[in-house]
Amino acid sequence: MTRPQDVEHLVPDGFRQLVRRFTADDGAVGGPSGAAWSERLPRLLADVLDDWALEPAGVGRTGWTSVVVPVRRDGVPHVLKLVWPHVEARAEALALRHWDGRGAVRLVQADPTRWALLLEPLDADRDLRGVEVEHACEVAGTLLRRLHVPSPPGLRRLSDYALGMRERLRAAEVALPRRVVDRALSLVRELTADPGCDATLLHTDLHFENVLAGEREPWLAIDPKPMAGHPAYEVHPLLRNRVEELGSGSAFRWSVRRRLEVVSAAAGIDEDLARLWTVVDATFGAVWAAEEGDREAVTFAIALVKALED
């Protein structure tokens, strides 16, 4: 029987402290606060290792809300992912099972009650940040084309999320340009009226770090935050990452538009719809940043909107 103290070293220093900043309301799924979950994490890790007959094979890696530990079962390598319960990750297992390895990391086993996933191993040291940006956009777009299948039931809906943001948009008028807020409100009404708005399974967070090299396929998507929505909603993450390569002034506008063009073509997405949905989501991002007092993120989001609109 594995003891919690035997596996504490598998969680990188600082991760549990990082997760402590989340409240139960942040998770919005009726789960524990980040502090409560982080206290239970060593016991949770020990229990899942025992229950699934897993042997640790190295120290874990972490993101904002999860830890991924390399493991072996009967000598076969896998990775064990434990996630702090939050609404964006609630349907991760459902989406991965639905894709069944087609364009995404393959799910081997899941325990939704413990937010535990056993996944195929990928090369965590090789993601799309190391690939020339235009080719990286082509790779990401090609993966999105494969991931965009009819949505299974039970997912959050893009229309509900977008319409639910309207009051936050109105409240943000003091921090954001009025014309940006009005434009986003108008686009939300227009875009959510599309009968196909909620028809497709979306990843929603496919950026350059969320594509890893694999043995089964050259590149596979990881860490989805699934939603039922419109494929054109997917481009924004690829515009708000590797921002240092976007340049400034006219170069910024050209780079943003070029990434949009390349991703849309590779994914089979209508480019103008992708532009409009990205304007909406970038404005949502500005709202979240304004609420958190992150003026730098607000400035970037508004610059992105202007580059797509002007």
C-alpha atoms as a PDB file:
ATOM      1  CA  MET A   1       0.000   0.000   0.000  1.00  0.00           C
ATOM      2  CA  THR A   2       1.438   3.324  -1.086  1.00  0.00           C
ATOM      3  CA  ARG A   3       1.616   6.002   1.604  1.00  0.00           C
ATOM      4  CA  PRO A   4       1.099   9.728   0.859  1.00  0.00           C
ATOM      5  CA  GLN A   5       4.572  10.536   2.174  1.00  0.00           C
ATOM      6  CA  ASP A   6       6.029   8.072  -0.349  1.00  0.00           C
ATOM      7  CA  VAL A   7       4.731  10.086  -3.319  1.00  0.00           C
ATOM      8  CA  GLU A   8       4.923  13.706  -2.144  1.00  0.00           C
ATOM      9  CA  HIS A   9       8.218  14.130  -4.001  1.00  0.00           C
ATOM     10  CA  LEU A  10       6.489  13.293  -7.305  1.00  0.00           C
ATOM     11  CA  VAL A  11       4.622  16.621  -7.240  1.00  0.00           C
ATOM     12  CA  PRO A  12       6.979  19.472  -8.258  1.00  0.00           C
ATOM     13  CA  ASP A  13       7.776  22.065  -5.610  1.00  0.00           C
ATOM     14  CA  GLY A  14       5.425  25.001  -5.618  1.00  0.00           C
ATOM     15  CA  PHE A  15       2.521  23.366  -7.437  1.00  0.00           C
ATOM     16  CA  ARG A  16       0.417  22.713  -4.371  1.00  0.00           C
ATOM     17  CA  GLN A  17       1.008  26.272  -3.214  1.00  0.00           C
ATOM     18  CA  LEU A  18       0.006  27.541  -6.664  1.00  0.00           C
ATOM     19  CA  VAL A  19      -3.289  25.634  -6.626  1.00  0.00           C
ATOM     20  CA  ARG A  20      -4.121  27.038  -3.189  1.00  0.00           C
ATOM     21  CA  ARG A  21      -5.092  30.358  -4.788  1.00  0.00           C
ATOM     22  CA  PHE A  22      -8.265  28.823  -6.264  1.00  0.00           C
ATOM     23  CA  THR A  23     -11.503  29.048  -4.315  1.00  0.00           C
ATOM     24  CA  ALA A  24     -14.349  26.562  -4.547  1.00  0.00           C
ATOM     25  CA  ASP A  25     -16.283  29.201  -6.514  1.00  0.00           C
ATOM     26  CA  ASP A  26     -13.464  29.338  -9.092  1.00  0.00           C
ATOM     27  CA  GLY A  27     -14.062  25.662  -9.821  1.00  0.00           C
ATOM     28  CA  ALA A  28     -17.815  26.163 -10.230  1.00  0.00           C
ATOM     29  CA  VAL A  29     -18.494  22.402 -10.037  1.00  0.00           C
ATOM     30  CA  GLY A  30     -19.254  22.023  -6.354  1.00  0.00           C
ATOM     31  CA  GLY A  31     -15.807  20.606  -5.713  1.00  0.00           C
ATOM     32  CA  PRO A  32     -13.109  21.478  -3.172  1.00  0.00           C
ATOM     33  CA  SER A  33     -11.140  24.677  -3.014  1.00  0.00           C
ATOM     34  CA  GLY A  34      -7.616  24.573  -4.345  1.00  0.00           C
ATOM     35  CA  ALA A  35      -6.307  24.587  -0.782  1.00  0.00           C
ATOM     36  CA  ALA A  36      -8.421  21.603   0.258  1.00  0.00           C
ATOM     37  CA  TRP A  37      -7.556  19.677  -2.901  1.00  0.00           C
ATOM     38  CA  SER A  38      -3.825  20.358  -2.585  1.00  0.00           C
ATOM     39  CA  GLU A  39      -3.865  19.019   0.975  1.00  0.00           C
ATOM     40  CA  ARG A  40      -5.462  15.787  -0.254  1.00  0.00           C
ATOM     41  CA  LEU A  41      -3.286  15.491  -3.356  1.00  0.00           C
ATOM     42  CA  PRO A  42      -0.612  13.125  -1.944  1.00  0.00           C
ATOM     43  CA  ARG A  43      -3.296  10.763  -0.631  1.00  0.00           C
ATOM     44  CA  LEU A  44      -5.215  10.983  -3.913  1.00  0.00           C
ATOM     45  CA  LEU A  45      -2.062  10.219  -5.898  1.00  0.00           C
ATOM     46  CA  ALA A  46      -1.184   7.271  -3.656  1.00  0.00           C
ATOM     47  CA  ASP A  47      -4.697   5.830  -3.857  1.00  0.00           C
ATOM     48  CA  VAL A  48      -4.946   6.055  -7.658  1.00  0.00           C
ATOM     49  CA  LEU A  49      -1.503   4.506  -8.089  1.00  0.00           C
ATOM     50  CA  ASP A  50      -2.611   1.554  -5.948  1.00  0.00           C
ATOM     51  CA  ASP A  51      -6.078   1.196  -7.435  1.00  0.00           C
ATOM     52  CA  TRP A  52      -4.811   1.239 -11.020  1.00  0.00           C
ATOM     53  CA  ALA A  53      -1.698  -0.883 -10.307  1.00  0.00           C
ATOM     54  CA  LEU A  54       0.637   1.893 -11.439  1.00  0.00           C
ATOM     55  CA  GLU A  55       4.317   2.301 -10.654  1.00  0.00           C
ATOM     56  CA  PRO A  56       5.788   5.833 -10.664  1.00  0.00           C
ATOM     57  CA  ALA A  57       8.468   6.299 -13.313  1.00  0.00           C
ATOM     58  CA  GLY A  58       9.605   9.845 -12.578  1.00  0.00           C
ATOM     59  CA  VAL A  59       8.723  13.203 -11.112  1.00  0.00           C
ATOM     60  CA  GLY A  60       5.564  14.826 -12.420  1.00  0.00           C
ATOM     61  CA  ARG A  61       5.057  17.955 -14.487  1.00  0.00           C
ATOM     62  CA  THR A  62       2.417  20.535 -13.737  1.00  0.00           C
ATOM     63  CA  GLY A  63       0.246  23.096 -15.427  1.00  0.00           C
ATOM     64  CA  TRP A  64      -2.038  25.626 -13.766  1.00  0.00           C
ATOM     65  CA  THR A  65      -4.484  23.086 -12.374  1.00  0.00           C
ATOM     66  CA  SER A  66      -3.116  19.571 -12.873  1.00  0.00           C
ATOM     67  CA  VAL A  67      -0.150  17.331 -12.256  1.00  0.00           C
ATOM     68  CA  VAL A  68       0.968  14.681 -14.765  1.00  0.00           C
ATOM     69  CA  VAL A  69       3.136  11.849 -13.443  1.00  0.00           C
ATOM     70  CA  PRO A  70       4.950   9.325 -15.667  1.00  0.00           C
ATOM     71  CA  VAL A  71       3.985   5.794 -14.625  1.00  0.00           C
ATOM     72  CA  ARG A  72       4.192   2.190 -15.753  1.00  0.00           C
ATOM     73  CA  ARG A  73       1.621  -0.594 -15.630  1.00  0.00           C
ATOM     74  CA  ASP A  74       2.874  -4.086 -16.317  1.00  0.00           C
ATOM     75  CA  GLY A  75       6.000  -2.450 -17.723  1.00  0.00           C
ATOM     76  CA  VAL A  76       4.044  -0.328 -20.222  1.00  0.00           C
ATOM     77  CA  PRO A  77       4.584   3.467 -19.962  1.00  0.00           C
ATOM     78  CA  HIS A  78       1.633   5.787 -19.398  1.00  0.00           C
ATOM     79  CA  VAL A  79       1.050   9.135 -17.725  1.00  0.00           C
ATOM     80  CA  LEU A  80      -1.316   9.742 -14.829  1.00  0.00           C
ATOM     81  CA  LYS A  81      -3.076  13.111 -14.786  1.00  0.00           C
ATOM     82  CA  LEU A  82      -4.785  14.438 -11.666  1.00  0.00           C
ATOM     83  CA  VAL A  83      -6.840  17.607 -12.111  1.00  0.00           C
ATOM     84  CA  TRP A  84      -8.136  20.120  -9.597  1.00  0.00           C
ATOM     85  CA  PRO A  85     -11.918  20.005 -10.200  1.00  0.00           C
ATOM     86  CA  HIS A  86     -12.997  22.982 -12.311  1.00  0.00           C
ATOM     87  CA  VAL A  87     -15.669  23.521 -14.910  1.00  0.00           C
ATOM     88  CA  GLU A  88     -13.368  23.837 -17.936  1.00  0.00           C
ATOM     89  CA  ALA A  89     -11.906  20.368 -17.353  1.00  0.00           C
ATOM     90  CA  ARG A  90     -15.125  18.611 -16.365  1.00  0.00           C
ATOM     91  CA  ALA A  91     -15.632  16.976 -19.762  1.00  0.00           C
ATOM     92  CA  GLU A  92     -11.978  16.267 -20.614  1.00  0.00           C
ATOM     93  CA  ALA A  93     -12.400  12.496 -20.302  1.00  0.00           C
ATOM     94  CA  LEU A  94     -15.617  12.598 -22.343  1.00  0.00           C
ATOM     95  CA  ALA A  95     -13.938  14.479 -25.179  1.00  0.00           C
ATOM     96  CA  LEU A  96     -10.817  12.301 -25.184  1.00  0.00           C
ATOM     97  CA  ARG A  97     -12.938   9.168 -25.237  1.00  0.00           C
ATOM     98  CA  HIS A  98     -14.990  10.605 -28.101  1.00  0.00           C
ATOM     99  CA  TRP A  99     -11.858  11.394 -30.156  1.00  0.00           C
ATOM    100  CA  ASP A 100     -10.321   7.991 -29.279  1.00  0.00           C
ATOM    101  CA  GLY A 101      -6.820   9.114 -30.185  1.00  0.00           C
ATOM    102  CA  ARG A 102      -7.762  10.727 -33.504  1.00  0.00           C
ATOM    103  CA  GLY A 103      -5.790  13.963 -33.334  1.00  0.00           C
ATOM    104  CA  ALA A 104      -5.556  13.916 -29.542  1.00  0.00           C
ATOM    105  CA  VAL A 105      -3.763  12.027 -26.809  1.00  0.00           C
ATOM    106  CA  ARG A 106      -5.377   8.641 -26.229  1.00  0.00           C
ATOM    107  CA  LEU A 107      -7.318   8.052 -23.020  1.00  0.00           C
ATOM    108  CA  VAL A 108      -6.576   4.669 -21.433  1.00  0.00           C
ATOM    109  CA  GLN A 109      -8.646   4.892 -18.244  1.00  0.00           C
ATOM    110  CA  ALA A 110     -10.592   7.532 -16.349  1.00  0.00           C
ATOM    111  CA  ASP A 111     -12.161   8.043 -12.953  1.00  0.00           C
ATOM    112  CA  PRO A 112     -14.372  11.154 -13.241  1.00  0.00           C
ATOM    113  CA  THR A 113     -15.169  11.157  -9.517  1.00  0.00           C
ATOM    114  CA  ARG A 114     -11.471  11.620  -8.699  1.00  0.00           C
ATOM    115  CA  TRP A 115     -10.685  13.685 -11.816  1.00  0.00           C
ATOM    116  CA  ALA A 116      -8.019  11.140 -12.710  1.00  0.00           C
ATOM    117  CA  LEU A 117      -6.950  10.245 -16.248  1.00  0.00           C
ATOM    118  CA  LEU A 118      -4.525   7.586 -17.464  1.00  0.00           C
ATOM    119  CA  LEU A 119      -3.121   8.652 -20.835  1.00  0.00           C
ATOM    120  CA  GLU A 120      -0.710   7.455 -23.483  1.00  0.00           C
ATOM    121  CA  PRO A 121       2.770   8.956 -23.045  1.00  0.00           C
ATOM    122  CA  LEU A 122       3.875  11.828 -25.272  1.00  0.00           C
ATOM    123  CA  ASP A 123       7.132  13.782 -25.436  1.00  0.00           C
ATOM    124  CA  ALA A 124       6.600  16.628 -22.977  1.00  0.00           C
ATOM    125  CA  ASP A 125       9.873  18.228 -24.107  1.00  0.00           C
ATOM    126  CA  ARG A 126       8.682  18.716 -27.702  1.00  0.00           C
ATOM    127  CA  ASP A 127       5.767  21.020 -28.404  1.00  0.00           C
ATOM    128  CA  LEU A 128       4.949  23.493 -31.183  1.00  0.00           C
ATOM    129  CA  ARG A 129       6.876  26.332 -29.556  1.00  0.00           C
ATOM    130  CA  GLY A 130       9.986  24.874 -31.169  1.00  0.00           C
ATOM    131  CA  VAL A 131       8.466  24.793 -34.665  1.00  0.00           C
ATOM    132  CA  GLU A 132       8.544  27.713 -37.121  1.00  0.00           C
ATOM    133  CA  VAL A 133       5.366  29.620 -36.338  1.00  0.00           C
ATOM    134  CA  GLU A 134       3.628  29.359 -39.695  1.00  0.00           C
ATOM    135  CA  HIS A 135       4.232  25.607 -39.878  1.00  0.00           C
ATOM    136  CA  ALA A 136       3.110  25.324 -36.249  1.00  0.00           C
ATOM    137  CA  CYS A 137      -0.154  27.039 -37.205  1.00  0.00           C
ATOM    138  CA  GLU A 138      -0.589  24.556 -40.062  1.00  0.00           C
ATOM    139  CA  VAL A 139      -0.051  21.626 -37.680  1.00  0.00           C
ATOM    140  CA  ALA A 140      -2.513  23.037 -35.154  1.00  0.00           C
ATOM    141  CA  GLY A 141      -5.080  23.756 -37.847  1.00  0.00           C
ATOM    142  CA  THR A 142      -4.761  20.238 -39.243  1.00  0.00           C
ATOM    143  CA  LEU A 143      -5.377  18.819 -35.770  1.00  0.00           C
ATOM    144  CA  LEU A 144      -8.411  21.052 -35.319  1.00  0.00           C
ATOM    145  CA  ARG A 145      -9.856  19.754 -38.594  1.00  0.00           C
ATOM    146  CA  ARG A 146      -9.655  16.213 -37.187  1.00  0.00           C
ATOM    147  CA  LEU A 147     -10.973  17.170 -33.751  1.00  0.00           C
ATOM    148  CA  HIS A 148     -14.027  18.962 -35.119  1.00  0.00           C
ATOM    149  CA  VAL A 149     -16.564  16.156 -35.026  1.00  0.00           C
ATOM    150  CA  PRO A 150     -20.227  16.296 -33.978  1.00  0.00           C
ATOM    151  CA  SER A 151     -20.423  17.096 -30.293  1.00  0.00           C
ATOM    152  CA  PRO A 152     -21.580  14.424 -27.858  1.00  0.00           C
ATOM    153  CA  PRO A 153     -24.373  15.400 -25.449  1.00  0.00           C
ATOM    154  CA  GLY A 154     -23.635  16.833 -22.043  1.00  0.00           C
ATOM    155  CA  LEU A 155     -21.043  19.485 -22.867  1.00  0.00           C
ATOM    156  CA  ARG A 156     -21.061  23.158 -21.990  1.00  0.00           C
ATOM    157  CA  ARG A 157     -22.448  25.129 -24.917  1.00  0.00           C
ATOM    158  CA  LEU A 158     -20.656  28.026 -26.551  1.00  0.00           C
ATOM    159  CA  SER A 159     -23.906  29.960 -26.981  1.00  0.00           C
ATOM    160  CA  ASP A 160     -24.652  29.715 -23.244  1.00  0.00           C
ATOM    161  CA  TYR A 161     -21.152  30.879 -22.359  1.00  0.00           C
ATOM    162  CA  ALA A 162     -21.165  33.774 -24.837  1.00  0.00           C
ATOM    163  CA  LEU A 163     -24.659  34.964 -23.904  1.00  0.00           C
ATOM    164  CA  GLY A 164     -23.786  34.616 -20.235  1.00  0.00           C
ATOM    165  CA  MET A 165     -20.849  36.996 -20.700  1.00  0.00           C
ATOM    166  CA  ARG A 166     -23.082  39.890 -21.762  1.00  0.00           C
ATOM    167  CA  GLU A 167     -23.549  41.341 -18.282  1.00  0.00           C
ATOM    168  CA  ARG A 168     -19.816  41.131 -17.632  1.00  0.00           C
ATOM    169  CA  LEU A 169     -19.234  42.943 -20.916  1.00  0.00           C
ATOM    170  CA  ARG A 170     -21.595  45.744 -19.945  1.00  0.00           C
ATOM    171  CA  ALA A 171     -19.996  46.020 -16.518  1.00  0.00           C
ATOM    172  CA  ALA A 172     -16.555  46.301 -18.135  1.00  0.00           C
ATOM    173  CA  GLU A 173     -17.422  49.449 -20.100  1.00  0.00           C
ATOM    174  CA  VAL A 174     -15.515  51.599 -17.613  1.00  0.00           C
ATOM    175  CA  ALA A 175     -12.312  49.637 -18.265  1.00  0.00           C
ATOM    176  CA  LEU A 176     -12.672  48.921 -21.991  1.00  0.00           C
ATOM    177  CA  PRO A 177     -13.361  51.157 -24.997  1.00  0.00           C
ATOM    178  CA  ARG A 178     -17.115  51.546 -25.435  1.00  0.00           C
ATOM    179  CA  ARG A 179     -16.980  50.681 -29.127  1.00  0.00           C
ATOM    180  CA  VAL A 180     -15.158  47.407 -28.366  1.00  0.00           C
ATOM    181  CA  VAL A 181     -17.821  46.388 -25.858  1.00  0.00           C
ATOM    182  CA  ASP A 182     -20.685  47.370 -28.181  1.00  0.00           C
ATOM    183  CA  ARG A 183     -19.107  45.477 -31.066  1.00  0.00           C
ATOM    184  CA  ALA A 184     -18.715  42.330 -28.970  1.00  0.00           C
ATOM    185  CA  LEU A 185     -22.310  42.528 -27.737  1.00  0.00           C
ATOM    186  CA  SER A 186     -23.541  42.868 -31.310  1.00  0.00           C
ATOM    187  CA  LEU A 187     -21.418  39.944 -32.502  1.00  0.00           C
ATOM    188  CA  VAL A 188     -22.591  37.710 -29.652  1.00  0.00           C
ATOM    189  CA  ARG A 189     -26.198  38.258 -30.713  1.00  0.00           C
ATOM    190  CA  GLU A 190     -25.351  37.605 -34.351  1.00  0.00           C
ATOM    191  CA  LEU A 191     -23.071  34.600 -33.963  1.00  0.00           C
ATOM    192  CA  THR A 192     -25.094  32.709 -31.359  1.00  0.00           C
ATOM    193  CA  ALA A 193     -28.135  32.920 -33.638  1.00  0.00           C
ATOM    194  CA  ASP A 194     -26.390  30.516 -36.055  1.00  0.00           C
ATOM    195  CA  PRO A 195     -28.220  27.147 -35.868  1.00  0.00           C
ATOM    196  CA  GLY A 196     -24.839  25.387 -35.960  1.00  0.00           C
ATOM    197  CA  CYS A 197     -23.379  27.399 -33.102  1.00  0.00           C
ATOM    198  CA  ASP A 198     -23.307  24.460 -30.670  1.00  0.00           C
ATOM    199  CA  ALA A 199     -22.979  21.500 -33.036  1.00  0.00           C
ATOM    200  CA  THR A 200     -19.238  20.724 -32.946  1.00  0.00           C
ATOM    201  CA  LEU A 201     -16.906  19.281 -30.319  1.00  0.00           C
ATOM    202  CA  LEU A 202     -14.324  21.974 -29.570  1.00  0.00           C
ATOM    203  CA  HIS A 203     -10.956  21.782 -27.847  1.00  0.00           C
ATOM    204  CA  THR A 204     -11.054  25.563 -27.006  1.00  0.00           C
ATOM    205  CA  ASP A 205      -7.440  25.763 -25.775  1.00  0.00           C
ATOM    206  CA  LEU A 206      -5.322  24.446 -28.632  1.00  0.00           C
ATOM    207  CA  HIS A 207      -2.240  26.637 -28.415  1.00  0.00           C
ATOM    208  CA  PHE A 208       1.393  25.830 -29.184  1.00  0.00           C
ATOM    209  CA  GLU A 209       2.143  24.255 -25.786  1.00  0.00           C
ATOM    210  CA  ASN A 210      -0.907  22.007 -25.958  1.00  0.00           C
ATOM    211  CA  VAL A 211       0.389  20.049 -28.942  1.00  0.00           C
ATOM    212  CA  LEU A 212       3.037  17.437 -28.100  1.00  0.00           C
ATOM    213  CA  ALA A 213       5.121  15.089 -30.203  1.00  0.00           C
ATOM    214  CA  GLY A 214       4.243  11.410 -30.030  1.00  0.00           C
ATOM    215  CA  GLU A 215       5.299   8.024 -31.327  1.00  0.00           C
ATOM    216  CA  ARG A 216       1.899   6.955 -32.626  1.00  0.00           C
ATOM    217  CA  GLU A 217       1.538  10.214 -34.570  1.00  0.00           C
ATOM    218  CA  PRO A 218       3.951  13.125 -35.056  1.00  0.00           C
ATOM    219  CA  TRP A 219       1.761  15.610 -33.151  1.00  0.00           C
ATOM    220  CA  LEU A 220      -1.243  15.211 -30.852  1.00  0.00           C
ATOM    221  CA  ALA A 221      -3.422  17.639 -28.916  1.00  0.00           C
ATOM    222  CA  ILE A 222      -3.545  17.559 -25.128  1.00  0.00           C
ATOM    223  CA  ASP A 223      -5.412  19.287 -22.308  1.00  0.00           C
ATOM    224  CA  PRO A 224      -8.752  20.076 -23.962  1.00  0.00           C
ATOM    225  CA  LYS A 225     -11.289  22.311 -22.246  1.00  0.00           C
ATOM    226  CA  PRO A 226     -14.215  20.854 -24.169  1.00  0.00           C
ATOM    227  CA  MET A 227     -17.255  22.732 -25.315  1.00  0.00           C
ATOM    228  CA  ALA A 228     -20.018  22.237 -27.846  1.00  0.00           C
ATOM    229  CA  GLY A 229     -19.636  25.143 -30.207  1.00  0.00           C
ATOM    230  CA  HIS A 230     -18.636  26.511 -33.583  1.00  0.00           C
ATOM    231  CA  PRO A 231     -15.264  25.569 -35.146  1.00  0.00           C
ATOM    232  CA  ALA A 232     -14.521  29.252 -35.836  1.00  0.00           C
ATOM    233  CA  TYR A 233     -14.213  29.832 -32.082  1.00  0.00           C
ATOM    234  CA  GLU A 234     -10.949  27.840 -31.916  1.00  0.00           C
ATOM    235  CA  VAL A 235      -8.370  30.270 -33.361  1.00  0.00           C
ATOM    236  CA  HIS A 236      -7.890  32.756 -30.510  1.00  0.00           C
ATOM    237  CA  PRO A 237      -5.453  30.618 -28.405  1.00  0.00           C
ATOM    238  CA  LEU A 238      -3.001  30.524 -31.315  1.00  0.00           C
ATOM    239  CA  LEU A 239      -3.025  34.326 -31.528  1.00  0.00           C
ATOM    240  CA  ARG A 240      -2.427  35.016 -27.835  1.00  0.00           C
ATOM    241  CA  ASN A 241       0.620  32.721 -27.562  1.00  0.00           C
ATOM    242  CA  ARG A 242       4.154  33.298 -28.883  1.00  0.00           C
ATOM    243  CA  VAL A 243       3.165  36.960 -28.790  1.00  0.00           C
ATOM    244  CA  GLU A 244       6.769  38.124 -28.930  1.00  0.00           C
ATOM    245  CA  GLU A 245       6.829  36.929 -32.540  1.00  0.00           C
ATOM    246  CA  LEU A 246       3.866  39.068 -33.574  1.00  0.00           C
ATOM    247  CA  GLY A 247       5.927  42.253 -33.813  1.00  0.00           C
ATOM    248  CA  SER A 248       4.437  45.706 -33.386  1.00  0.00           C
ATOM    249  CA  GLY A 249       2.556  48.288 -35.429  1.00  0.00           C
ATOM    250  CA  SER A 250       1.748  47.162 -38.951  1.00  0.00           C
ATOM    251  CA  ALA A 251       3.811  43.988 -38.450  1.00  0.00           C
ATOM    252  CA  PHE A 252       1.548  43.019 -35.536  1.00  0.00           C
ATOM    253  CA  ARG A 253      -1.567  43.366 -37.660  1.00  0.00           C
ATOM    254  CA  TRP A 254      -0.017  41.393 -40.531  1.00  0.00           C
ATOM    255  CA  SER A 255       1.174  38.592 -38.209  1.00  0.00           C
ATOM    256  CA  VAL A 256      -2.193  38.256 -36.484  1.00  0.00           C
ATOM    257  CA  ARG A 257      -4.044  38.155 -39.793  1.00  0.00           C
ATOM    258  CA  ARG A 258      -1.550  35.699 -41.275  1.00  0.00           C
ATOM    259  CA  ARG A 259      -1.890  33.261 -38.375  1.00  0.00           C
ATOM    260  CA  LEU A 260      -5.664  33.496 -38.677  1.00  0.00           C
ATOM    261  CA  GLU A 261      -5.436  32.772 -42.405  1.00  0.00           C
ATOM    262  CA  VAL A 262      -3.093  29.786 -42.044  1.00  0.00           C
ATOM    263  CA  VAL A 263      -5.004  28.151 -39.176  1.00  0.00           C
ATOM    264  CA  SER A 264      -8.373  28.675 -40.862  1.00  0.00           C
ATOM    265  CA  ALA A 265      -7.181  27.158 -44.138  1.00  0.00           C
ATOM    266  CA  ALA A 266      -5.627  24.120 -42.449  1.00  0.00           C
ATOM    267  CA  ALA A 267      -8.670  23.574 -40.218  1.00  0.00           C
ATOM    268  CA  GLY A 268     -11.252  24.115 -42.946  1.00  0.00           C
ATOM    269  CA  ILE A 269     -12.765  27.014 -41.003  1.00  0.00           C
ATOM    270  CA  ASP A 270     -14.434  30.028 -42.592  1.00  0.00           C
ATOM    271  CA  GLU A 271     -11.804  32.722 -42.112  1.00  0.00           C
ATOM    272  CA  ASP A 272     -14.202  35.618 -41.655  1.00  0.00           C
ATOM    273  CA  LEU A 273     -16.214  33.730 -39.034  1.00  0.00           C
ATOM    274  CA  ALA A 274     -12.953  32.872 -37.284  1.00  0.00           C
ATOM    275  CA  ARG A 275     -12.060  36.566 -37.282  1.00  0.00           C
ATOM    276  CA  LEU A 276     -15.427  37.530 -35.762  1.00  0.00           C
ATOM    277  CA  TRP A 277     -15.408  34.833 -33.088  1.00  0.00           C
ATOM    278  CA  THR A 278     -11.832  35.796 -32.209  1.00  0.00           C
ATOM    279  CA  VAL A 279     -12.900  39.422 -31.776  1.00  0.00           C
ATOM    280  CA  VAL A 280     -15.566  38.197 -29.359  1.00  0.00           C
ATOM    281  CA  ASP A 281     -13.262  35.905 -27.396  1.00  0.00           C
ATOM    282  CA  ALA A 282     -10.438  38.451 -27.247  1.00  0.00           C
ATOM    283  CA  THR A 283     -12.934  40.926 -25.800  1.00  0.00           C
ATOM    284  CA  PHE A 284     -13.982  38.316 -23.246  1.00  0.00           C
ATOM    285  CA  GLY A 285     -10.291  37.945 -22.424  1.00  0.00           C
ATOM    286  CA  ALA A 286     -10.034  41.694 -21.912  1.00  0.00           C
ATOM    287  CA  VAL A 287     -12.988  41.517 -19.514  1.00  0.00           C
ATOM    288  CA  TRP A 288     -11.375  38.783 -17.426  1.00  0.00           C
ATOM    289  CA  ALA A 289      -8.071  40.671 -17.398  1.00  0.00           C
ATOM    290  CA  ALA A 290      -9.774  43.915 -16.360  1.00  0.00           C
ATOM    291  CA  GLU A 291     -11.506  42.133 -13.481  1.00  0.00           C
ATOM    292  CA  GLU A 292      -8.128  40.811 -12.339  1.00  0.00           C
ATOM    293  CA  GLY A 293      -6.456  44.218 -12.703  1.00  0.00           C
ATOM    294  CA  ASP A 294      -4.053  42.979 -15.403  1.00  0.00           C
ATOM    295  CA  ARG A 295      -3.668  46.096 -17.514  1.00  0.00           C
ATOM    296  CA  GLU A 296      -0.989  44.545 -19.729  1.00  0.00           C
ATOM    297  CA  ALA A 297      -3.323  41.709 -20.726  1.00  0.00           C
ATOM    298  CA  VAL A 298      -6.149  44.191 -21.335  1.00  0.00           C
ATOM    299  CA  THR A 299      -3.907  46.228 -23.628  1.00  0.00           C
ATOM    300  CA  PHE A 300      -2.876  43.171 -25.620  1.00  0.00           C
ATOM    301  CA  ALA A 301      -6.445  41.920 -25.992  1.00  0.00           C
ATOM    302  CA  ILE A 302      -7.629  45.316 -27.261  1.00  0.00           C
ATOM    303  CA  ALA A 303      -4.686  45.466 -29.678  1.00  0.00           C
ATOM    304  CA  LEU A 304      -5.678  42.046 -30.988  1.00  0.00           C
ATOM    305  CA  VAL A 305      -9.266  43.172 -31.505  1.00  0.00           C
ATOM    306  CA  LYS A 306      -8.105  46.254 -33.385  1.00  0.00           C
ATOM    307  CA  ALA A 307      -5.753  44.213 -35.570  1.00  0.00           C
ATOM    308  CA  LEU A 308      -8.662  41.990 -36.574  1.00  0.00           C
ATOM    309  CA  GLU A 309     -11.174  44.776 -37.081  1.00  0.00           C
ATOM    310  CA  ASP A 310      -9.315  47.769 -38.550  1.00  0.00           C
END
